[in-house]
């Protein structure tokens, strides 16, 4: 199972917080996007609502499953907002 977390460095405290968890529980199945804190759901919907670009510039949606989750690793690589694969 692939699990990718969307994380950010909090602007006031510099602490790292996990905003969302994206998992692909079933091979060849869709990705499941979950906000870690319910209050973060609107921000997650804004960030991921239009899909995630892959390396070729195609926009992927959760229905793309593993490709969607892995594309997040390249799409979010900032110092304040990034995606990280977790075990």
Protein backbone atom coordinates (compact mmCIF):
# COMPACT_ATOMS: atom_id res chain seq x y z
CA UNK A 1 0.00 0.00 0.00
CA UNK A 2 1.27 3.47 -0.88
CA UNK A 3 0.79 6.26 1.66
CA UNK A 4 1.81 9.87 1.01
CA UNK A 5 1.36 12.67 3.51
CA UNK A 6 1.02 16.33 2.65
CA UNK A 7 2.95 18.31 5.24
CA UNK A 8 3.64 21.93 6.01
CA UNK A 9 5.86 23.94 8.24
CA UNK A 10 3.60 26.07 10.43
CA UNK A 11 4.32 29.74 9.69
CA UNK A 12 4.16 30.85 13.34
CA UNK A 13 5.98 28.04 15.12
CA UNK A 14 8.01 26.34 12.32
CA UNK A 15 6.69 23.01 13.58
CA UNK A 16 5.89 20.38 10.96
CA UNK A 17 2.27 19.33 10.75
CA UNK A 18 0.58 16.77 8.54
CA UNK A 19 -2.36 18.23 6.64
CA UNK A 20 -3.57 15.22 4.68
CA UNK A 21 -2.91 11.56 4.10
CA UNK A 22 -3.33 10.01 0.67
CA UNK A 23 -3.40 6.23 0.50
CA UNK A 24 -4.03 3.62 -2.14
CA UNK A 25 -5.39 0.70 -0.11
CA UNK A 26 -6.24 -1.52 -3.09
CA UNK A 27 -3.79 -2.09 -5.97
CA UNK A 28 -5.20 -0.54 -9.16
CA UNK A 29 -7.82 1.20 -7.02
CA UNK A 30 -8.38 4.91 -6.45
CA UNK A 31 -6.43 7.02 -4.00
CA UNK A 32 -8.20 7.98 -0.78
CA UNK A 33 -7.58 11.55 0.44
CA UNK A 34 -8.15 12.23 4.13
CA UNK A 35 -7.63 15.49 6.02
CA UNK A 36 -5.79 14.74 9.27
CA UNK A 37 -7.64 17.56 11.04
CA UNK A 38 -11.24 18.16 9.93
CA UNK A 39 -10.62 21.92 10.01
CA UNK A 40 -8.00 21.50 7.26
CA UNK A 41 -10.50 20.00 4.81
CA UNK A 42 -11.25 23.28 2.95
CA UNK A 43 -7.54 23.91 2.39
CA UNK A 44 -7.00 20.33 1.18
CA UNK A 45 -9.89 20.66 -1.24
CA UNK A 46 -8.35 23.84 -2.65
CA UNK A 47 -4.87 22.30 -2.97
CA UNK A 48 -5.94 18.99 -4.47
CA UNK A 49 -9.34 19.77 -5.95
CA UNK A 50 -8.11 20.31 -9.51
CA UNK A 51 -5.84 17.27 -9.45
CA UNK A 52 -2.07 16.86 -9.28
CA UNK A 53 0.29 17.26 -12.24
CA UNK A 54 2.51 14.31 -13.10
CA UNK A 55 6.03 14.50 -14.56
CA UNK A 56 4.63 14.82 -18.11
CA UNK A 57 2.31 17.67 -17.19
CA UNK A 58 -0.88 15.62 -17.19
CA UNK A 59 -3.34 16.32 -14.40
CA UNK A 60 -4.14 13.26 -12.34
CA UNK A 61 -7.17 12.76 -10.13
CA UNK A 62 -7.57 10.32 -7.21
CA UNK A 63 -9.04 7.78 -9.65
CA UNK A 64 -5.48 7.34 -11.02
CA UNK A 65 -4.56 5.59 -7.74
CA UNK A 66 -0.84 4.99 -7.26
CA UNK A 67 0.12 7.39 -10.05
CA UNK A 68 -1.81 10.17 -8.29
CA UNK A 69 -0.20 9.51 -4.91
CA UNK A 70 3.31 9.32 -6.38
CA UNK A 71 2.79 12.46 -8.49
CA UNK A 72 2.25 14.37 -5.26
CA UNK A 73 5.92 13.78 -4.39
CA UNK A 74 7.02 15.90 -7.36
CA UNK A 75 4.12 18.36 -7.29
CA UNK A 76 4.70 19.37 -3.67
CA UNK A 77 8.43 19.84 -2.98
CA UNK A 78 8.64 23.17 -1.20
CA UNK A 79 10.35 24.05 2.05
CA UNK A 80 7.03 25.03 3.68
CA UNK A 81 4.65 22.63 1.89
CA UNK A 82 5.69 19.19 0.67
CA UNK A 83 4.56 15.61 0.14
CA UNK A 84 6.40 12.73 1.73
CA UNK A 85 5.99 8.99 1.29
CA UNK A 86 5.59 7.15 4.58
CA UNK A 87 5.91 3.49 5.43
